[in-house]
Protein backbone atom coordinates (compact mmCIF):
# COMPACT_ATOMS: atom_id res chain seq x y z
CA THR A 1 0.00 0.00 0.00
CA LYS A 2 3.10 2.23 0.02
CA LYS A 3 3.02 3.21 3.72
CA THR A 4 6.77 3.86 3.74
CA VAL A 5 6.51 5.89 0.53
CA LEU A 6 3.76 7.98 2.14
CA CYS A 7 6.11 8.66 5.06
CA THR A 8 8.71 10.00 2.63
CA LEU A 9 6.05 12.30 1.16
CA PHE A 10 5.26 13.67 4.62
CA ASP A 11 8.95 13.93 5.50
CA GLY A 12 9.71 15.92 2.38
CA ALA A 13 6.99 18.40 3.31
CA ILE A 14 8.01 18.54 6.97
CA ILE A 15 11.71 19.11 6.27
CA SER A 16 11.36 21.57 3.39
CA GLY A 17 8.24 23.35 4.61
CA SER A 18 6.57 22.89 1.23
CA LEU A 19 5.93 20.11 -1.27
CA TYR A 20 4.13 20.19 -4.64
CA GLY A 21 2.32 23.32 -3.48
CA GLU A 22 -0.04 21.13 -1.45
CA PHE A 23 1.50 20.87 2.02
CA ARG A 24 2.57 23.79 4.19
CA SER A 25 4.52 23.53 7.43
CA ASN A 26 7.42 25.03 9.30
CA LYS A 27 10.77 23.40 8.57
CA HIS A 28 11.46 20.64 11.10
CA LYS A 29 14.14 18.09 11.89
CA VAL A 30 13.11 14.47 11.42
CA ILE A 31 14.32 11.15 12.86
CA TYR A 32 13.44 8.10 10.74
CA ILE A 33 13.78 4.68 12.41
CA ASP A 34 13.26 1.63 10.18
CA THR A 35 12.91 -1.75 11.88
CA GLU A 36 12.34 -4.16 9.00
CA GLN A 37 13.84 -3.12 5.66
CA SER A 38 17.30 -4.09 4.42
CA LYS A 39 20.07 -1.48 4.24
CA TYR A 40 19.46 -1.07 0.51
CA TYR A 41 15.81 -0.08 0.96
CA VAL A 42 16.53 2.07 4.01
CA HIS A 43 19.06 3.98 1.90
CA LYS A 44 16.49 4.22 -0.92
CA THR A 45 13.97 5.68 1.53
CA LEU A 46 16.54 8.23 2.68
CA GLN A 47 17.32 9.16 -0.93
CA ARG A 48 13.63 9.79 -1.60
CA ILE A 49 13.36 12.11 1.40
CA VAL A 50 16.48 14.07 0.43
CA LEU A 51 15.30 14.43 -3.18
CA LEU A 52 11.85 15.58 -2.06
CA SER A 53 13.09 18.04 0.56
CA GLY A 54 16.29 19.20 -1.11
CA LYS A 55 18.06 18.87 2.24
CA ASP A 56 20.22 16.20 3.84
CA ASN A 57 21.08 17.95 7.11
CA LEU A 58 17.64 17.85 8.75
CA ILE A 59 17.10 14.09 8.86
CA LYS A 60 18.72 11.25 10.78
CA MET A 61 18.09 7.73 9.44
CA PHE A 62 18.49 4.52 11.47
CA HIS A 63 18.43 0.84 10.45
CA LEU A 64 17.39 -1.55 13.27
CA ARG A 65 16.62 -4.72 11.33
CA PRO A 66 19.55 -6.79 12.75
CA LEU A 67 18.45 -6.24 16.38
CA ASN A 68 15.97 -8.18 18.52
CA PRO A 69 12.87 -6.41 19.96
CA THR A 70 14.49 -5.58 23.32
CA GLU A 71 17.57 -4.17 21.61
CA ARG A 72 15.38 -2.14 19.25
CA VAL A 73 13.41 -0.56 22.10
CA ASN A 74 16.63 0.34 23.90
CA MET A 75 18.07 1.75 20.68
CA VAL A 76 14.97 3.84 20.00
CA GLY A 77 15.17 5.27 23.53
CA GLY A 78 18.85 6.11 23.01
CA ILE A 79 18.23 7.71 19.62
CA LEU A 80 15.46 9.94 20.96
CA GLU A 81 17.65 10.95 23.91
CA ASN A 82 20.60 11.78 21.64
CA TYR A 83 18.43 13.78 19.22
CA LYS A 84 16.00 15.21 21.74
CA TYR A 85 15.97 18.58 19.98
CA TYR A 86 14.53 17.06 16.82
CA ASP A 87 10.82 17.63 16.20
CA ILE A 88 9.42 14.41 14.74
CA ALA A 89 10.35 10.72 14.97
CA ILE A 90 8.96 8.12 12.58
CA ILE A 91 9.09 4.48 13.68
CA ASP A 92 8.47 2.46 10.53
CA GLY A 93 7.55 -0.96 11.88
CA THR A 94 6.50 -0.44 15.51
CA ARG A 95 5.38 -4.07 15.82
CA ASP A 96 9.06 -5.07 15.59
CA LEU A 97 9.63 -3.51 19.01
CA LEU A 98 7.64 -6.40 20.53
CA TYR A 99 8.10 -10.15 20.77
CA ASP A 100 4.33 -10.76 20.85
CA ILE A 101 2.05 -8.23 19.14
CA ASN A 102 -0.98 -9.75 20.93
CA SER A 103 0.50 -9.43 24.42
CA GLN A 104 -1.49 -6.87 26.40
CA GLU A 105 1.36 -6.42 28.88
CA GLN A 106 4.06 -5.86 26.22
CA SER A 107 1.78 -3.57 24.21
CA THR A 108 0.82 -1.42 27.20
CA GLU A 109 4.45 -1.15 28.30
CA LEU A 110 5.62 -0.08 24.83
CA VAL A 111 2.82 2.45 24.28
CA SER A 112 3.54 3.90 27.73
CA LYS A 113 7.16 4.40 26.67
CA LEU A 114 6.08 6.07 23.43
CA LEU A 115 3.81 8.45 25.36
CA LYS A 116 6.59 9.20 27.84
CA TRP A 117 9.17 9.86 25.09
CA SER A 118 6.82 12.18 23.22
CA GLU A 119 6.20 14.13 26.42
CA ILE A 120 9.71 14.45 27.84
CA TYR A 121 11.31 15.23 24.46
CA ASP A 122 8.37 17.37 23.24
CA MET A 123 8.43 15.33 20.04
CA HIS A 124 5.74 14.04 17.70
CA ILE A 125 6.11 10.27 17.18
CA VAL A 126 4.66 8.63 14.06
CA ASN A 127 4.09 4.87 14.26
CA VAL A 128 3.70 2.79 11.10
CA ILE A 129 1.69 -0.39 11.67
CA HIS A 130 -0.06 -2.99 9.49
CA GLU A 131 -3.75 -3.82 9.17
CA ASN A 132 -5.33 -7.25 9.38
CA LYS A 133 -5.80 -8.76 5.93
CA ASN A 134 -9.56 -9.35 6.35
CA ASP A 135 -10.59 -6.02 7.91
CA SER A 136 -9.39 -2.46 8.47
CA TYR A 137 -8.29 -2.95 12.08
CA ALA A 138 -4.65 -2.46 13.06
CA ARG A 139 -2.87 -5.76 13.59
CA GLY A 140 -2.54 -7.21 17.10
CA HIS A 141 -3.09 -5.74 20.53
CA ILE A 142 -0.28 -3.27 19.88
CA GLY A 143 -2.26 -1.87 16.94
CA THR A 144 -5.33 -1.38 19.12
CA GLU A 145 -3.31 0.28 21.89
CA ILE A 146 -1.55 2.67 19.51
CA MET A 147 -4.79 3.66 17.79
CA ASN A 148 -6.49 4.29 21.13
CA LYS A 149 -3.71 6.63 22.25
CA SER A 150 -3.03 8.35 18.93
CA GLU A 151 -3.70 11.99 18.20
CA THR A 152 -4.39 11.16 14.54
CA VAL A 153 -4.87 7.85 12.74
CA VAL A 154 -4.03 7.85 9.01
CA ARG A 155 -4.88 4.92 6.74
CA VAL A 156 -3.38 4.15 3.35
CA VAL A 157 -4.88 1.57 0.95
CA LYS A 158 -4.56 0.68 -2.71
CA SER A 159 -7.19 2.07 -5.06
CA LEU A 160 -9.86 -0.47 -6.01
CA GLU A 161 -9.88 0.71 -9.64
CA LYS A 162 -6.15 1.11 -10.25
CA LYS A 163 -3.74 -0.68 -7.94
CA GLU A 164 -0.78 1.58 -8.79
CA PHE A 165 -2.48 4.41 -6.87
CA SER A 166 -2.83 4.68 -3.09
CA ILE A 167 -5.60 6.47 -1.20
CA VAL A 168 -4.88 8.20 2.10
CA THR A 169 -7.67 8.80 4.60
CA CYS A 170 -7.94 10.38 8.02
CA GLU A 171 -9.60 7.68 10.12
CA TYR A 172 -9.56 9.71 13.33
CA SER A 173 -8.15 12.97 14.64
CA ARG A 174 -8.35 14.87 17.91
CA ASN A 175 -7.81 17.99 15.80
CA LEU A 176 -9.02 18.95 12.32
CA PRO A 177 -9.27 15.98 9.93
CA PHE A 178 -8.12 16.18 6.30
CA ASP A 179 -9.84 15.19 3.07
CA ASN A 180 -8.91 11.93 1.34
CA PHE A 181 -6.12 12.26 -1.20
CA LEU A 182 -4.40 10.13 -3.81
CA PHE A 183 -0.76 9.53 -4.69
CA SER A 184 1.39 7.30 -6.87
CA ILE A 185 5.09 6.83 -7.61
CA ASN A 186 6.33 8.81 -10.60
CA GLU A 187 9.01 7.92 -13.17
CA LYS A 188 11.73 9.21 -10.83
CA GLY A 189 10.63 6.81 -8.10
CA LEU A 190 9.19 9.63 -5.99
CA PRO A 191 5.69 9.93 -4.49
CA GLN A 192 3.45 12.37 -6.32
CA LEU A 193 0.02 13.69 -5.42
CA ARG A 194 -2.58 12.96 -8.11
CA ASP A 195 -5.95 14.33 -9.12
CA ALA A 196 -8.50 11.58 -8.40
CA GLU A 197 -11.27 13.18 -10.47
CA GLU A 198 -8.98 13.53 -13.47
CA LEU A 199 -8.01 9.86 -13.19
CA GLY A 200 -11.60 8.72 -12.65
CA ILE A 201 -10.85 7.23 -9.23
CA ASP A 202 -13.38 7.38 -6.40
CA ILE A 203 -11.25 8.12 -3.35
CA ASP A 204 -14.24 7.57 -1.04
CA ASP A 205 -14.80 4.00 -2.27
CA ILE A 206 -12.09 2.18 -0.32
CA PRO A 207 -11.89 -1.40 1.06
CA PHE A 208 -13.72 -2.03 4.35
C-alpha cells in the first residue's frame, strides 16, 4: 500500500516546509527509524526524502533490522535521547519492538514508553503499523493500543480501480481531519500527489 513511501512524502513536506504546493509547514528536523527493511531499501527511503526536501542535514536515518525487539526498544530510547531537539520521529515498523504483538502487557508497556518519550522530548512520534488482511483494524493488541492513544490515525490503501495508486484517509483525529487524497510513484521513483477526479478514481470508495 506504500506506507513507507507515504512517510517519505510527509517527510519531504516537513523538512522543506513545502511540497508540490499542497503541504505547508514550518521546517522541522526528522528522525526516521526503520525496523524491517534491508540497508538497501533504508538507503532508498533516505534518498527519496532528500530528493523531495532538497536537504540532507535535517534528517537522521536509522536501520534496526539486525536487532531483537528488546535491543530495538533500547536503541529507540537512546536515539530519541541523543536527538531530543529534533521535532518528529517516525518508527516504521512499531510491531518489531515487541516479541508478541498480541501481548497486552508488552503492548501497554511499549505504548507507555512512546507516550513518555513524546512528552519528555516534546516530540511528535509517528508509528507505522499494518492492518489485518480481512478487515481495516490495526494488527494485534499493539495496533489497538496505539490507535487508542493516537492523536491522529491515518490509513493508506490501494485504489480499487487502479492498484498503482494509493488512497490516504484520516480515520480519526483529535484535531481537524483532512480530506482523502491520492498519490502514486512517478518515473523518478518519488511519491506524487494525483488528481482523483482527473483519473476517474473514487477516493471515497475504499476497502472495508
